PDB file of N, CA and C in Angstrom:
ATOM      1  N   MET A   1      47.715-138.288  25.621  1.00  0.00           N
ATOM      2  CA  MET A   1      46.457-138.036  25.003  1.00  0.00           C
ATOM      3  C   MET A   1      45.188-138.698  25.042  1.00  0.00           C
ATOM      4  N   LEU A   2      44.541-137.559  24.933  1.00  0.00           N
ATOM      5  CA  LEU A   2      42.770-138.174  25.073  1.00  0.00           C
ATOM      6  C   LEU A   2      42.953-139.005  23.631  1.00  0.00           C
ATOM      7  N   VAL A   3      41.717-140.079  24.201  1.00  0.00           N
ATOM      8  CA  VAL A   3      41.102-141.045  23.247  1.00  0.00           C
ATOM      9  C   VAL A   3      39.419-141.260  22.442  1.00  0.00           C
ATOM     10  N   PRO A   4      39.183-140.622  21.458  1.00  0.00           N
ATOM     11  CA  PRO A   4      37.804-140.675  21.785  1.00  0.00           C
ATOM     12  C   PRO A   4      36.912-141.233  21.462  1.00  0.00           C
ATOM     13  N   ASP A   5      36.241-141.539  22.294  1.00  0.00           N
ATOM     14  CA  ASP A   5      34.687-142.561  22.495  1.00  0.00           C
ATOM     15  C   ASP A   5      34.533-143.131  21.098  1.00  0.00           C
ATOM     16  N   PRO A   6      35.261-144.075  21.388  1.00  0.00           N
ATOM     17  CA  PRO A   6      34.676-144.951  19.751  1.00  0.00           C
ATOM     18  C   PRO A   6      33.127-145.075  19.249  1.00  0.00           C
ATOM     19  N   LYS A   7      31.979-145.469  20.443  1.00  0.00           N
ATOM     20  CA  LYS A   7      30.676-145.268  20.505  1.00  0.00           C
ATOM     21  C   LYS A   7      29.940-143.540  19.160  1.00  0.00           C
ATOM     22  N   VAL A   8      30.417-142.561  20.003  1.00  0.00           N
ATOM     23  CA  VAL A   8      30.693-141.426  19.070  1.00  0.00           C
ATOM     24  C   VAL A   8      31.653-141.215  18.004  1.00  0.00           C
ATOM     25  N   VAL A   9      32.379-141.991  17.530  1.00  0.00           N
ATOM     26  CA  VAL A   9      33.741-142.282  16.688  1.00  0.00           C
ATOM     27  C   VAL A   9      32.587-142.854  14.959  1.00  0.00           C
ATOM     28  N   ARG A  10      32.101-144.051  15.837  1.00  0.00           N
ATOM     29  CA  ARG A  10      30.966-144.940  14.628  1.00  0.00           C
ATOM     30  C   ARG A  10      29.907-144.555  14.577  1.00  0.00           C
ATOM     31  N   LYS A  11      29.816-143.590  15.312  1.00  0.00           N
ATOM     32  CA  LYS A  11      28.189-142.454  14.747  1.00  0.00           C
ATOM     33  C   LYS A  11      28.498-141.458  13.641  1.00  0.00           C
ATOM     34  N   LEU A  12      29.742-141.308  13.851  1.00  0.00           N
ATOM     35  CA  LEU A  12      30.415-140.398  13.363  1.00  0.00           C
ATOM     36  C   LEU A  12      30.451-140.502  11.758  1.00  0.00           C
ATOM     37  N   LEU A  13      31.460-141.842  11.798  1.00  0.00           N
ATOM     38  CA  LEU A  13      31.552-142.262  10.280  1.00  0.00           C
ATOM     39  C   LEU A  13      30.327-142.765   9.917  1.00  0.00           C
ATOM     40  N   THR A  14      28.968-143.504  10.969  1.00  0.00           N
ATOM     41  CA  THR A  14      27.955-143.696   9.676  1.00  0.00           C
ATOM     42  C   THR A  14      27.108-142.581   9.475  1.00  0.00           C
ATOM     43  N   ARG A  15      27.427-141.312  10.096  1.00  0.00           N
ATOM     44  CA  ARG A  15      26.495-139.921   9.372  1.00  0.00           C
ATOM     45  C   ARG A  15      27.682-139.471   8.246  1.00  0.00           C
ATOM     46  N   TYR A  16      28.858-139.881   8.204  1.00  0.00           N
ATOM     47  CA  TYR A  16      29.407-138.784   7.100  1.00  0.00           C
ATOM     48  C   TYR A  16      28.511-140.153   6.104  1.00  0.00           C
ATOM     49  N   ALA A  17      29.231-141.090   6.000  1.00  0.00           N
ATOM     50  CA  ALA A  17      28.370-142.067   5.207  1.00  0.00           C
ATOM     51  C   ALA A  17      27.556-141.819   4.408  1.00  0.00           C
ATOM     52  N   SER A  18      26.407-141.713   4.901  1.00  0.00           N
ATOM     53  CA  SER A  18      24.932-141.275   5.011  1.00  0.00           C
ATOM     54  C   SER A  18      25.146-139.746   4.365  1.00  0.00           C
ATOM     55  N   LEU A  19      25.353-139.311   4.582  1.00  0.00           N
ATOM     56  CA  LEU A  19      25.262-138.068   4.195  1.00  0.00           C
ATOM     57  C   LEU A  19      25.998-137.720   1.929  1.00  0.00           C
ATOM     58  N   ARG A  20      27.015-138.457   2.721  1.00  0.00           N
ATOM     59  CA  ARG A  20      27.982-139.039   1.434  1.00  0.00           C
ATOM     60  C   ARG A  20      27.084-139.581   0.135  1.00  0.00           C
ATOM     61  N   ILE A  21      26.279-140.339   0.613  1.00  0.00           N
ATOM     62  CA  ILE A  21      24.872-141.028   0.201  1.00  0.00           C
ATOM     63  C   ILE A  21      24.230-140.446  -0.665  1.00  0.00           C
ATOM     64  N   ALA A  22      23.078-139.467   0.256  1.00  0.00           N
ATOM     65  CA  ALA A  22      22.842-138.856   0.456  1.00  0.00           C
ATOM     66  C   ALA A  22      23.084-137.385  -0.462  1.00  0.00           C
ATOM     67  N   GLN A  23      24.590-136.970  -0.527  1.00  0.00           N
ATOM     68  CA  GLN A  23      24.600-136.123  -1.707  1.00  0.00           C
ATOM     69  C   GLN A  23      24.926-136.594  -3.096  1.00  0.00           C
ATOM     70  N   ALA A  24      25.348-137.601  -3.057  1.00  0.00           N
ATOM     71  CA  ALA A  24      25.423-138.506  -4.083  1.00  0.00           C
ATOM     72  C   ALA A  24      24.547-138.632  -4.911  1.00  0.00           C
ATOM     73  N   GLU A  25      23.385-139.015  -4.570  1.00  0.00           N
ATOM     74  CA  GLU A  25      22.022-139.238  -4.932  1.00  0.00           C
ATOM     75  C   GLU A  25      21.230-138.007  -5.585  1.00  0.00           C
ATOM     76  N   ARG A  26      21.847-136.990  -5.233  1.00  0.00           N
ATOM     77  CA  ARG A  26      20.910-135.682  -4.920  1.00  0.00           C
ATOM     78  C   ARG A  26      21.370-134.637  -4.309  1.00  0.00           C
ATOM     79  N   GLU A  27      22.130-134.153  -4.842  1.00  0.00           N
ATOM     80  CA  GLU A  27      23.277-133.030  -4.123  1.00  0.00           C
ATOM     81  C   GLU A  27      21.987-131.578  -3.830  1.00  0.00           C
ATOM     82  N   ARG A  28      21.746-131.047  -2.367  1.00  0.00           N
ATOM     83  CA  ARG A  28      21.323-129.934  -1.536  1.00  0.00           C
ATOM     84  C   ARG A  28      22.222-129.756  -0.925  1.00  0.00           C
ATOM     85  N   GLU A  29      21.684-127.991  -0.574  1.00  0.00           N
ATOM     86  CA  GLU A  29      22.665-127.085  -0.069  1.00  0.00           C
ATOM     87  C   GLU A  29      22.682-127.125   2.020  1.00  0.00           C
ATOM     88  N   ALA A  30      21.448-127.829   2.249  1.00  0.00           N
ATOM     89  CA  ALA A  30      21.732-127.955   3.652  1.00  0.00           C
ATOM     90  C   ALA A  30      22.343-129.854   3.953  1.00  0.00           C
ATOM     91  N   THR A  31      22.454-130.654   3.108  1.00  0.00           N
ATOM     92  CA  THR A  31      23.088-131.633   2.816  1.00  0.00           C
ATOM     93  C   THR A  31      24.724-131.346   3.285  1.00  0.00           C
ATOM     94  N   ALA A  32      25.736-130.811   2.394  1.00  0.00           N
ATOM     95  CA  ALA A  32      26.602-130.443   1.905  1.00  0.00           C
ATOM     96  C   ALA A  32      27.079-129.441   2.948  1.00  0.00           C
ATOM     97  N   ARG A  33      26.525-128.688   3.618  1.00  0.00           N
ATOM     98  CA  ARG A  33      26.546-128.001   4.674  1.00  0.00           C
ATOM     99  C   ARG A  33      26.774-128.566   6.175  1.00  0.00           C
ATOM    100  N   GLU A  34      25.858-129.736   6.224  1.00  0.00           N
ATOM    101  CA  GLU A  34      25.911-130.737   7.390  1.00  0.00           C
ATOM    102  C   GLU A  34      27.204-132.087   6.888  1.00  0.00           C
ATOM    103  N   LEU A  35      27.936-132.336   5.675  1.00  0.00           N
ATOM    104  CA  LEU A  35      28.238-133.169   5.254  1.00  0.00           C
ATOM    105  C   LEU A  35      29.858-132.226   5.665  1.00  0.00           C
ATOM    106  N   GLU A  36      29.895-130.573   5.552  1.00  0.00           N
ATOM    107  CA  GLU A  36      30.817-130.125   6.326  1.00  0.00           C
ATOM    108  C   GLU A  36      31.542-130.201   7.397  1.00  0.00           C
ATOM    109  N   ASP A  37      30.053-129.736   7.863  1.00  0.00           N
ATOM    110  CA  ASP A  37      30.619-130.115   9.665  1.00  0.00           C
ATOM    111  C   ASP A  37      30.771-131.638  10.180  1.00  0.00           C
ATOM    112  N   VAL A  38      30.377-132.721   9.934  1.00  0.00           N
ATOM    113  CA  VAL A  38      30.573-133.602   9.925  1.00  0.00           C
ATOM    114  C   VAL A  38      32.103-134.768   9.887  1.00  0.00           C
ATOM    115  N   THR A  39      32.995-133.824   8.875  1.00  0.00           N
ATOM    116  CA  THR A  39      34.181-134.295   8.519  1.00  0.00           C
ATOM    117  C   THR A  39      34.943-133.508   8.999  1.00  0.00           C
ATOM    118  N   TYR A  40      34.235-132.109   9.418  1.00  0.00           N
ATOM    119  CA  TYR A  40      35.144-131.424  10.436  1.00  0.00           C
ATOM    120  C   TYR A  40      34.969-131.686  11.086  1.00  0.00           C
ATOM    121  N   THR A  41      34.163-131.937  12.348  1.00  0.00           N
ATOM    122  CA  THR A  41      34.195-132.961  13.407  1.00  0.00           C
ATOM    123  C   THR A  41      35.335-134.245  13.778  1.00  0.00           C
ATOM    124  N   LEU A  42      35.126-135.003  12.673  1.00  0.00           N
ATOM    125  CA  LEU A  42      35.946-136.334  12.442  1.00  0.00           C
ATOM    126  C   LEU A  42      37.522-135.914  12.145  1.00  0.00           C
ATOM    127  N   CYS A  43      38.189-134.877  11.647  1.00  0.00           N
ATOM    128  CA  CYS A  43      38.888-134.384  11.484  1.00  0.00           C
ATOM    129  C   CYS A  43      39.475-134.098  12.735  1.00  0.00           C
ATOM    130  N   VAL A  44      38.994-132.995  13.062  1.00  0.00           N
ATOM    131  CA  VAL A  44      39.102-132.703  14.560  1.00  0.00           C
ATOM    132  C   VAL A  44      39.421-134.022  15.671  1.00  0.00           C
ATOM    133  N   MET A  45      38.311-134.671  15.864  1.00  0.00           N
ATOM    134  CA  MET A  45      38.493-135.730  17.076  1.00  0.00           C
ATOM    135  C   MET A  45      39.402-136.189  16.995  1.00  0.00           C
ATOM    136  N   MET A  46      39.709-136.717  14.738  1.00  0.00           N
ATOM    137  CA  MET A  46      41.167-138.460  14.428  1.00  0.00           C
ATOM    138  C   MET A  46      42.018-137.201  14.918  1.00  0.00           C
ATOM    139  N   ALA A  47      42.347-135.811  14.833  1.00  0.00           N
ATOM    140  CA  ALA A  47      43.550-135.195  15.160  1.00  0.00           C
ATOM    141  C   ALA A  47      44.447-135.163  13.152  1.00  0.00           C
ATOM    142  N   ALA A  48      43.517-135.331  12.670  1.00  0.00           N
ATOM    143  CA  ALA A  48      43.991-136.038  10.879  1.00  0.00           C
ATOM    144  C   ALA A  48      43.300-133.962  10.399  1.00  0.00           C
ATOM    145  N   THR A  49      44.079-134.431   9.148  1.00  0.00           N
ATOM    146  CA  THR A  49      44.709-133.035   8.653  1.00  0.00           C
ATOM    147  C   THR A  49      43.476-133.351   7.406  1.00  0.00           C
ATOM    148  N   ASP A  50      43.025-134.269   6.945  1.00  0.00           N
ATOM    149  CA  ASP A  50      41.745-134.410   5.718  1.00  0.00           C
ATOM    150  C   ASP A  50      41.204-135.298   5.965  1.00  0.00           C
ATOM    151  N   ILE A  51      39.449-135.690   5.685  1.00  0.00           N
ATOM    152  CA  ILE A  51      39.052-136.670   5.898  1.00  0.00           C
ATOM    153  C   ILE A  51      39.086-138.162   6.081  1.00  0.00           C
ATOM    154  N   HIS A  52      40.101-138.518   5.344  1.00  0.00           N
ATOM    155  CA  HIS A  52      40.684-139.859   4.230  1.00  0.00           C
ATOM    156  C   HIS A  52      41.937-140.299   5.288  1.00  0.00           C
ATOM    157  N   GLU A  53      42.758-139.523   5.771  1.00  0.00           N
ATOM    158  CA  GLU A  53      43.168-139.390   7.350  1.00  0.00           C
ATOM    159  C   GLU A  53      42.854-140.527   8.562  1.00  0.00           C
ATOM    160  N   ALA A  54      41.321-138.753   8.325  1.00  0.00           N
ATOM    161  CA  ALA A  54      40.425-139.102   9.911  1.00  0.00           C
ATOM    162  C   ALA A  54      39.727-140.479   9.278  1.00  0.00           C
ATOM    163  N   VAL A  55      39.666-140.635   8.267  1.00  0.00           N
ATOM    164  CA  VAL A  55      38.778-142.151   8.226  1.00  0.00           C
ATOM    165  C   VAL A  55      39.544-143.708   8.464  1.00  0.00           C
ATOM    166  N   ALA A  56      40.692-142.908   8.190  1.00  0.00           N
ATOM    167  CA  ALA A  56      41.831-144.215   8.694  1.00  0.00           C
ATOM    168  C   ALA A  56      42.025-144.377   9.763  1.00  0.00           C
ATOM    169  N   LYS A  57      42.250-143.310  10.617  1.00  0.00           N
ATOM    170  CA  LYS A  57      42.286-143.133  12.517  1.00  0.00           C
ATOM    171  C   LYS A  57      41.158-143.999  12.567  1.00  0.00           C
ATOM    172  N   ALA A  58      40.446-143.336  12.027  1.00  0.00           N
ATOM    173  CA  ALA A  58      38.683-144.268  13.211  1.00  0.00           C
ATOM    174  C   ALA A  58      39.030-145.509  12.568  1.00  0.00           C
ATOM    175  N   ASP A  59      38.798-146.095  11.868  1.00  0.00           N
ATOM    176  CA  ASP A  59      39.332-147.371  11.160  1.00  0.00           C
ATOM    177  C   ASP A  59      39.810-148.011  12.172  1.00  0.00           C
ATOM    178  N   ALA A  60      40.913-147.738  12.628  1.00  0.00           N
ATOM    179  CA  ALA A  60      42.097-147.847  13.049  1.00  0.00           C
ATOM    180  C   ALA A  60      41.744-148.552  14.819  1.00  0.00           C
ATOM    181  N   LEU A  61      41.224-146.949  15.397  1.00  0.00           N
ATOM    182  CA  LEU A  61      40.361-147.042  16.753  1.00  0.00           C
ATOM    183  C   LEU A  61      38.756-147.879  16.649  1.00  0.00           C
ATOM    184  N   LEU A  62      38.055-148.407  16.289  1.00  0.00           N
ATOM    185  CA  LEU A  62      37.446-149.038  16.310  1.00  0.00           C
ATOM    186  C   LEU A  62      37.702-150.719  16.121  1.00  0.00           C
ATOM    187  N   LEU A  63      39.054-150.922  14.990  1.00  0.00           N
ATOM    188  CA  LEU A  63      39.426-151.682  15.186  1.00  0.00           C
ATOM    189  C   LEU A  63      39.838-151.697  16.298  1.00  0.00           C
ATOM    190  N   SER A  64      41.343-151.794  17.215  1.00  0.00           N
ATOM    191  CA  SER A  64      41.322-151.584  18.599  1.00  0.00           C
ATOM    192  C   SER A  64      40.490-151.804  19.484  1.00  0.00           C
ATOM    193  N   ALA A  65      39.601-150.942  19.403  1.00  0.00           N
ATOM    194  CA  ALA A  65      38.873-150.873  20.267  1.00  0.00           C
ATOM    195  C   ALA A  65      37.840-152.505  20.573  1.00  0.00           C
ATOM    196  N   GLY A  66      36.975-152.871  19.637  1.00  0.00           N
ATOM    197  CA  GLY A  66      36.915-154.016  19.682  1.00  0.00           C
ATOM    198  C   GLY A  66      37.063-155.394  19.596  1.00  0.00           C
ATOM    199  N   THR A  67      38.435-155.288  18.983  1.00  0.00           N
ATOM    200  CA  THR A  67      39.483-155.782  19.334  1.00  0.00           C
ATOM    201  C   THR A  67      39.770-156.480  20.933  1.00  0.00           C
ATOM    202  N   THR A  68      39.858-155.178  21.984  1.00  0.00           N
ATOM    203  CA  THR A  68      40.061-155.070  23.314  1.00  0.00           C
ATOM    204  C   THR A  68      39.190-155.917  24.118  1.00  0.00           C
ATOM    205  N   ALA A  69      37.750-155.393  23.692  1.00  0.00           N
ATOM    206  CA  ALA A  69      36.488-155.989  24.274  1.00  0.00           C
ATOM    207  C   ALA A  69      36.046-156.797  24.036  1.00  0.00           C
ATOM    208  N   THR A  70      36.682-157.480  23.064  1.00  0.00           N
ATOM    209  CA  THR A  70      36.234-159.114  22.677  1.00  0.00           C
ATOM    210  C   THR A  70      37.599-160.350  23.058  1.00  0.00           C
ATOM    211  N   THR A  71      36.390-161.454  23.215  1.00  0.00           N
ATOM    212  CA  THR A  71      37.268-163.237  24.085  1.00  0.00           C
ATOM    213  C   THR A  71      38.468-163.479  22.529  1.00  0.00           C
ATOM    214  N   PRO A  72      38.519-164.050  21.951  1.00  0.00           N
ATOM    215  CA  PRO A  72      40.090-164.541  20.393  1.00  0.00           C
ATOM    216  C   PRO A  72      39.059-165.215  19.949  1.00  0.00           C
ATOM    217  N   ALA A  73      38.133-166.140  21.041  1.00  0.00           N
ATOM    218  CA  ALA A  73      36.882-166.692  19.835  1.00  0.00           C
ATOM    219  C   ALA A  73      35.486-165.545  19.200  1.00  0.00           C
ATOM    220  N   THR A  74      35.583-164.684  19.646  1.00  0.00           N
ATOM    221  CA  THR A  74      34.719-163.813  18.729  1.00  0.00           C
ATOM    222  C   THR A  74      35.759-162.204  18.117  1.00  0.00           C
ATOM    223  N   THR A  75      34.996-162.467  17.582  1.00  0.00           N
ATOM    224  CA  THR A  75      35.758-160.900  16.082  1.00  0.00           C
ATOM    225  C   THR A  75      34.630-159.820  16.274  1.00  0.00           C
ATOM    226  N   PRO A  76      35.294-158.443  16.531  1.00  0.00           N
ATOM    227  CA  PRO A  76      34.853-157.233  16.446  1.00  0.00           C
ATOM    228  C   PRO A  76      33.585-157.302  15.296  1.00  0.00           C
ATOM    229  N   ALA A  77      34.130-157.774  14.292  1.00  0.00           N
ATOM    230  CA  ALA A  77      32.307-158.277  13.210  1.00  0.00           C
ATOM    231  C   ALA A  77      31.271-158.987  13.557  1.00  0.00           C
ATOM    232  N   GLU A  78      31.764-159.696  14.219  1.00  0.00           N
ATOM    233  CA  GLU A  78      30.553-161.087  14.799  1.00  0.00           C
ATOM    234  C   GLU A  78      30.206-160.141  15.687  1.00  0.00           C
ATOM    235  N   LYS A  79      30.833-159.172  17.045  1.00  0.00           N
ATOM    236  CA  LYS A  79      30.272-159.203  17.933  1.00  0.00           C
ATOM    237  C   LYS A  79      29.575-157.633  18.368  1.00  0.00           C
ATOM    238  N   ASP A  80      29.306-157.141  16.746  1.00  0.00           N
ATOM    239  CA  ASP A  80      28.779-155.559  16.375  1.00  0.00           C
ATOM    240  C   ASP A  80      27.409-156.558  15.066  1.00  0.00           C
ATOM    241  N   GLY A  81      27.596-156.942  14.779  1.00  0.00           N
ATOM    242  CA  GLY A  81      27.110-157.827  13.181  1.00  0.00           C
ATOM    243  C   GLY A  81      27.058-157.131  12.460  1.00  0.00           C
ATOM    244  N   GLU A  82      28.643-156.840  11.424  1.00  0.00           N
ATOM    245  CA  GLU A  82      28.865-156.597  11.342  1.00  0.00           C
ATOM    246  C   GLU A  82      29.359-157.080  10.490  1.00  0.00           C
ATOM    247  N   ASP A  83      29.795-157.110   8.765  1.00  0.00           N
ATOM    248  CA  ASP A  83      30.953-157.566   8.009  1.00  0.00           C
ATOM    249  C   ASP A  83      31.857-157.310   8.255  1.00  0.00           C
ATOM    250  N   GLY A  84      31.873-156.362   9.079  1.00  0.00           N
ATOM    251  CA  GLY A  84      33.849-155.980   9.034  1.00  0.00           C
ATOM    252  C   GLY A  84      34.543-154.930   7.824  1.00  0.00           C
ATOM    253  N   LEU A  85      33.346-154.832   7.106  1.00  0.00           N
ATOM    254  CA  LEU A  85      33.897-153.864   5.560  1.00  0.00           C
ATOM    255  C   LEU A  85      34.080-152.209   6.862  1.00  0.00           C
ATOM    256  N   ARG A  86      35.598-152.207   5.545  1.00  0.00           N
ATOM    257  CA  ARG A  86      35.724-150.363   5.952  1.00  0.00           C
ATOM    258  C   ARG A  86      35.290-149.171   4.903  1.00  0.00           C
ATOM    259  N   LEU A  87      35.570-148.357   5.907  1.00  0.00           N
ATOM    260  CA  LEU A  87      34.152-147.452   5.516  1.00  0.00           C
ATOM    261  C   LEU A  87      35.535-146.843   3.818  1.00  0.00           C
ATOM    262  N   ALA A  88      34.477-146.103   2.680  1.00  0.00           N
ATOM    263  CA  ALA A  88      35.504-146.216   1.409  1.00  0.00           C
ATOM    264  C   ALA A  88      35.183-144.278   1.483  1.00  0.00           C
ATOM    265  N   VAL A  89      35.697-144.101   1.607  1.00  0.00           N
ATOM    266  CA  VAL A  89      35.950-142.523   1.325  1.00  0.00           C
ATOM    267  C   VAL A  89      35.823-141.928  -0.174  1.00  0.00           C
TER     268      VAL A  89
END
């Protein structure tokens, strides 16, 4: 089975979250279309049937990619400079 590139998955998750926020602040047709595109791409890339499943699988992929690329003394959140919070859908 092919495994998506964690960097691409992280970019898609970031774009998905940004578009959700933008759409919640001000509904726009262009934003809605782009959100649909990103949602579809995430679902296909993660072999998921809906966005909730896709985000969960993406989180798991990023978590496993981060733990294999770090030393025992460094957590993935510390390595990436993030707080380790998962994306809420």
